[in-house]
Amino acid sequence: MRKSYSGEFKAKVVLEILKEEKTISQIASEYGIHPNQLLKWKKEAIRSLA
């Protein structure tokens, strides 16, 4: 079964990634999400800003 995350949760995690206080790996293990998924969310967020 696939997990689904709210837009609010994704935004919170992406903001944490953009702060660059922790590595992607640290954030991924904190939230139990694969690092590749976090990179995908980050890319989507940056693309939607433009």
N, C-alpha and C. Protein backbone atom coordinates (compact mmCIF):
# COMPACT_ATOMS: atom_id res chain seq x y z
N MET A 1 0.84 -1.18 0.00
CA MET A 1 0.00 0.00 0.00
C MET A 1 0.88 1.25 0.00
N ARG A 2 0.53 2.20 -0.83
CA ARG A 2 1.30 3.44 -0.93
C ARG A 2 0.84 4.42 0.14
N LYS A 3 1.80 5.14 0.67
CA LYS A 3 1.47 6.21 1.62
C LYS A 3 1.17 7.45 0.82
N SER A 4 0.26 8.26 1.35
CA SER A 4 0.03 9.55 0.71
C SER A 4 0.24 10.63 1.76
N TYR A 5 0.83 11.71 1.35
CA TYR A 5 1.16 12.80 2.24
C TYR A 5 0.43 14.06 1.81
N SER A 6 0.01 14.83 2.78
CA SER A 6 -0.72 16.07 2.47
C SER A 6 0.25 17.10 1.89
N GLY A 7 -0.30 18.04 1.17
CA GLY A 7 0.50 19.12 0.62
C GLY A 7 1.18 19.92 1.73
N GLU A 8 0.48 20.07 2.84
CA GLU A 8 1.02 20.81 3.98
C GLU A 8 2.26 20.11 4.54
N PHE A 9 2.19 18.78 4.65
CA PHE A 9 3.32 18.01 5.15
C PHE A 9 4.51 18.11 4.19
N LYS A 10 4.23 17.96 2.89
CA LYS A 10 5.29 18.05 1.89
C LYS A 10 5.97 19.42 1.95
N ALA A 11 5.17 20.48 2.07
CA ALA A 11 5.72 21.83 2.14
C ALA A 11 6.61 22.00 3.35
N LYS A 12 6.19 21.45 4.48
CA LYS A 12 6.98 21.52 5.71
C LYS A 12 8.33 20.85 5.52
N VAL A 13 8.32 19.67 4.91
CA VAL A 13 9.56 18.92 4.71
C VAL A 13 10.46 19.64 3.69
N VAL A 14 9.88 20.15 2.61
CA VAL A 14 10.67 20.85 1.59
C VAL A 14 11.30 22.11 2.19
N LEU A 15 10.57 22.83 3.01
CA LEU A 15 11.14 24.02 3.66
C LEU A 15 12.34 23.63 4.52
N GLU A 16 12.22 22.51 5.20
CA GLU A 16 13.33 22.02 6.02
C GLU A 16 14.53 21.68 5.14
N ILE A 17 14.29 21.09 3.98
CA ILE A 17 15.37 20.77 3.04
C ILE A 17 16.04 22.06 2.56
N LEU A 18 15.22 23.06 2.23
CA LEU A 18 15.76 24.31 1.69
C LEU A 18 16.56 25.11 2.72
N LYS A 19 16.29 24.90 3.99
CA LYS A 19 17.06 25.58 5.05
C LYS A 19 18.51 25.11 5.06
N GLU A 20 18.73 23.89 4.59
CA GLU A 20 20.06 23.27 4.51
C GLU A 20 20.77 23.18 5.86
N GLU A 21 19.99 22.99 6.93
CA GLU A 21 20.58 22.79 8.25
C GLU A 21 20.90 21.31 8.48
N LYS A 22 20.21 20.44 7.74
CA LYS A 22 20.41 19.00 7.84
C LYS A 22 20.57 18.45 6.43
N THR A 23 21.17 17.28 6.34
CA THR A 23 21.30 16.64 5.02
C THR A 23 19.97 16.00 4.64
N ILE A 24 19.85 15.71 3.35
CA ILE A 24 18.65 15.01 2.85
C ILE A 24 18.50 13.68 3.58
N SER A 25 19.60 12.98 3.79
CA SER A 25 19.56 11.68 4.47
C SER A 25 19.06 11.81 5.90
N GLN A 26 19.50 12.85 6.60
CA GLN A 26 19.04 13.05 7.97
C GLN A 26 17.54 13.30 8.01
N ILE A 27 17.07 14.16 7.11
CA ILE A 27 15.64 14.48 7.06
C ILE A 27 14.84 13.23 6.67
N ALA A 28 15.35 12.49 5.72
CA ALA A 28 14.66 11.27 5.26
C ALA A 28 14.49 10.27 6.41
N SER A 29 15.55 10.06 7.17
CA SER A 29 15.45 9.10 8.26
C SER A 29 14.56 9.63 9.38
N GLU A 30 14.56 10.94 9.58
CA GLU A 30 13.70 11.55 10.59
C GLU A 30 12.22 11.29 10.30
N TYR A 31 11.83 11.44 9.03
CA TYR A 31 10.43 11.30 8.65
C TYR A 31 10.08 9.92 8.08
N GLY A 32 11.08 9.06 7.90
CA GLY A 32 10.81 7.73 7.37
C GLY A 32 10.42 7.74 5.90
N ILE A 33 11.02 8.65 5.14
CA ILE A 33 10.72 8.79 3.71
C ILE A 33 12.02 8.60 2.94
N HIS A 34 11.96 7.93 1.81
CA HIS A 34 13.16 7.68 1.01
C HIS A 34 13.75 9.01 0.51
N PRO A 35 15.08 9.15 0.56
CA PRO A 35 15.72 10.39 0.09
C PRO A 35 15.35 10.79 -1.33
N ASN A 36 15.19 9.81 -2.22
CA ASN A 36 14.81 10.13 -3.60
C ASN A 36 13.44 10.80 -3.66
N GLN A 37 12.54 10.39 -2.78
CA GLN A 37 11.21 11.00 -2.74
C GLN A 37 11.33 12.46 -2.31
N LEU A 38 12.19 12.73 -1.33
CA LEU A 38 12.38 14.10 -0.87
C LEU A 38 12.96 14.97 -1.97
N LEU A 39 13.90 14.43 -2.72
CA LEU A 39 14.48 15.19 -3.83
C LEU A 39 13.43 15.50 -4.89
N LYS A 40 12.53 14.55 -5.12
CA LYS A 40 11.44 14.75 -6.09
C LYS A 40 10.52 15.87 -5.61
N TRP A 41 10.16 15.87 -4.32
CA TRP A 41 9.31 16.93 -3.77
C TRP A 41 9.99 18.28 -3.88
N LYS A 42 11.29 18.31 -3.60
CA LYS A 42 12.05 19.56 -3.67
C LYS A 42 12.03 20.10 -5.10
N LYS A 43 12.28 19.22 -6.07
CA LYS A 43 12.29 19.62 -7.48
C LYS A 43 10.93 20.15 -7.90
N GLU A 44 9.86 19.46 -7.48
CA GLU A 44 8.49 19.91 -7.80
C GLU A 44 8.22 21.29 -7.22
N ALA A 45 8.62 21.50 -5.98
CA ALA A 45 8.38 22.77 -5.31
C ALA A 45 9.11 23.90 -6.00
N ILE A 46 10.35 23.68 -6.36
CA ILE A 46 11.13 24.71 -7.02
C ILE A 46 10.54 25.01 -8.41
N ARG A 47 10.12 23.98 -9.12
CA ARG A 47 9.52 24.16 -10.43
C ARG A 47 8.22 24.97 -10.34
N SER A 48 7.44 24.74 -9.30
CA SER A 48 6.17 25.45 -9.18
C SER A 48 6.37 26.91 -8.74
N LEU A 49 7.53 27.24 -8.18
CA LEU A 49 7.81 28.62 -7.80
C LEU A 49 8.07 29.50 -9.02
N ALA A 50 8.63 28.90 -10.06
CA ALA A 50 9.02 29.67 -11.24
C ALA A 50 7.88 30.14 -12.10
